[in-house]
């Protein structure tokens, strides 16, 4: 499942987790110095759980999309792959093949399987 995780989400989850940890440690130290009751930052706990949940959901969705598109490609059907500027019809009959688990190529161009959908 880790190979399907979005690096941006991993960075965001790590940053929010780090900020939550630092905030808790600062608040804990402050409460011990001032001898006041420690109040947990529940909103930060909530955001951390939400971001980690989003990370898992995105990875699961990406994995499902890649497996679905791979299955469509292997059954000799066409996929429409979109980039920012152009659309490509990808199929085995048009000379495309799988470069690895996540991309198609025709020898000149490499397209991510995530950018495709069955037609």
Protein backbone atom coordinates (compact mmCIF):
# COMPACT_ATOMS: atom_id res chain seq x y z
CA UNK A 1 0.00 0.00 0.00
CA UNK A 2 2.93 2.36 0.65
CA UNK A 3 3.88 2.56 -3.04
CA UNK A 4 0.50 4.16 -3.78
CA UNK A 5 0.83 6.97 -1.21
CA UNK A 6 0.98 10.53 -2.45
CA UNK A 7 4.25 12.17 -1.31
CA UNK A 8 2.41 15.46 -0.73
CA UNK A 9 0.03 13.79 1.69
CA UNK A 10 2.92 12.06 3.45
CA UNK A 11 4.65 15.41 3.91
CA UNK A 12 1.44 17.05 5.15
CA UNK A 13 0.72 14.21 7.60
CA UNK A 14 4.29 14.34 8.90
CA UNK A 15 4.17 18.12 9.31
CA UNK A 16 0.86 18.10 11.16
CA UNK A 17 1.99 15.21 13.37
CA UNK A 18 5.25 17.03 14.14
CA UNK A 19 3.43 20.28 14.96
CA UNK A 20 0.99 18.41 17.19
CA UNK A 21 3.86 16.73 19.05
CA UNK A 22 5.73 20.02 19.52
CA UNK A 23 2.55 21.79 20.70
CA UNK A 24 1.77 19.04 23.22
CA UNK A 25 5.34 19.05 24.54
CA UNK A 26 5.39 22.86 24.89
CA UNK A 27 1.99 22.89 26.59
CA UNK A 28 3.03 20.05 28.90
CA UNK A 29 6.23 21.83 29.88
CA UNK A 30 4.38 25.09 30.42
CA UNK A 31 1.76 23.41 32.60
CA UNK A 32 4.46 21.82 34.78
CA UNK A 33 6.37 25.08 35.21
CA UNK A 34 3.25 27.10 36.05
CA UNK A 35 1.63 24.24 38.03
CA UNK A 36 -1.61 24.40 36.08
CA UNK A 37 -3.71 21.61 34.66
CA UNK A 38 -2.59 20.34 31.25
CA UNK A 39 -5.23 20.89 28.57
CA UNK A 40 -5.00 18.60 25.58
CA UNK A 41 -5.14 20.24 22.12
CA UNK A 42 -7.97 18.01 20.89
CA UNK A 43 -8.36 19.98 17.66
CA UNK A 44 -4.77 19.11 16.70
CA UNK A 45 -5.38 15.45 17.53
CA UNK A 46 -8.46 15.59 15.31
CA UNK A 47 -6.54 17.17 12.39
CA UNK A 48 -3.80 14.56 12.70
CA UNK A 49 -6.33 11.74 12.56
CA UNK A 50 -8.12 13.36 9.59
CA UNK A 51 -4.89 13.82 7.61
CA UNK A 52 -3.73 10.26 8.27
CA UNK A 53 -7.20 9.05 7.24
CA UNK A 54 -6.99 11.12 4.04
CA UNK A 55 -3.56 9.63 3.34
CA UNK A 56 -4.95 6.09 3.63
CA UNK A 57 -8.06 6.93 1.58
CA UNK A 58 -6.01 8.52 -1.21
CA UNK A 59 -3.62 5.54 -1.34
CA UNK A 60 -6.53 3.11 -1.41
CA UNK A 61 -8.26 5.06 -4.19
CA UNK A 62 -5.05 5.28 -6.23
CA UNK A 63 -4.42 1.55 -5.84
CA UNK A 64 -7.97 0.72 -6.92
CA UNK A 65 -7.68 3.01 -9.95
CA UNK A 66 -4.36 1.49 -11.03
CA UNK A 67 -5.63 -2.07 -10.64
CA UNK A 68 -8.81 -1.27 -12.55
CA UNK A 69 -6.94 0.42 -15.41
CA UNK A 70 -4.40 -2.41 -15.57
CA UNK A 71 -7.23 -4.93 -15.82
CA UNK A 72 -8.89 -2.93 -18.62
CA UNK A 73 -5.57 -2.64 -20.49
CA UNK A 74 -4.81 -6.36 -20.12
CA UNK A 75 -8.24 -7.26 -21.52
CA UNK A 76 -7.31 -5.43 -24.78
CA UNK A 77 -9.69 -2.50 -24.26
CA UNK A 78 -8.78 1.15 -24.81
CA UNK A 79 -8.02 3.65 -22.10
CA UNK A 80 -8.13 7.41 -22.49
CA UNK A 81 -5.15 9.00 -20.74
CA UNK A 82 -5.13 12.74 -20.20
CA UNK A 83 -2.25 15.08 -19.60
CA UNK A 84 -2.52 18.84 -19.12
CA UNK A 85 -2.47 19.48 -22.85
CA UNK A 86 -3.42 16.30 -24.71
CA UNK A 87 -5.46 13.11 -24.57
CA UNK A 88 -4.10 9.74 -25.68
CA UNK A 89 -5.86 6.50 -26.54
CA UNK A 90 -3.87 3.66 -25.01
CA UNK A 91 -4.28 0.00 -25.92
CA UNK A 92 -2.14 -3.00 -26.73
CA UNK A 93 -3.32 -2.93 -30.32
CA UNK A 94 -1.87 0.58 -30.74
CA UNK A 95 1.58 -0.50 -29.60
CA UNK A 96 1.42 0.53 -25.95
CA UNK A 97 2.80 -1.67 -23.19
CA UNK A 98 3.22 -1.49 -19.44
CA UNK A 99 6.58 -0.09 -18.43
CA UNK A 100 6.11 -0.94 -14.75
CA UNK A 101 3.17 -1.30 -12.36
CA UNK A 102 2.28 2.39 -12.64
CA UNK A 103 2.94 3.53 -16.21
CA UNK A 104 2.34 2.89 -19.90
CA UNK A 105 4.71 3.64 -22.76
CA UNK A 106 4.77 3.45 -26.51
CA UNK A 107 8.53 3.90 -26.71
CA UNK A 108 8.42 7.71 -26.96
CA UNK A 109 6.01 8.75 -24.23
CA UNK A 110 5.44 7.55 -20.66
CA UNK A 111 1.97 8.02 -19.11
CA UNK A 112 0.92 7.34 -15.56
CA UNK A 113 -1.83 4.75 -15.23
CA UNK A 114 -3.51 7.02 -12.66
CA UNK A 115 -4.24 9.57 -15.43
CA UNK A 116 -6.27 7.07 -17.47
CA UNK A 117 -9.84 5.88 -17.50
CA UNK A 118 -11.64 3.23 -19.46
CA UNK A 119 -13.80 4.21 -22.41
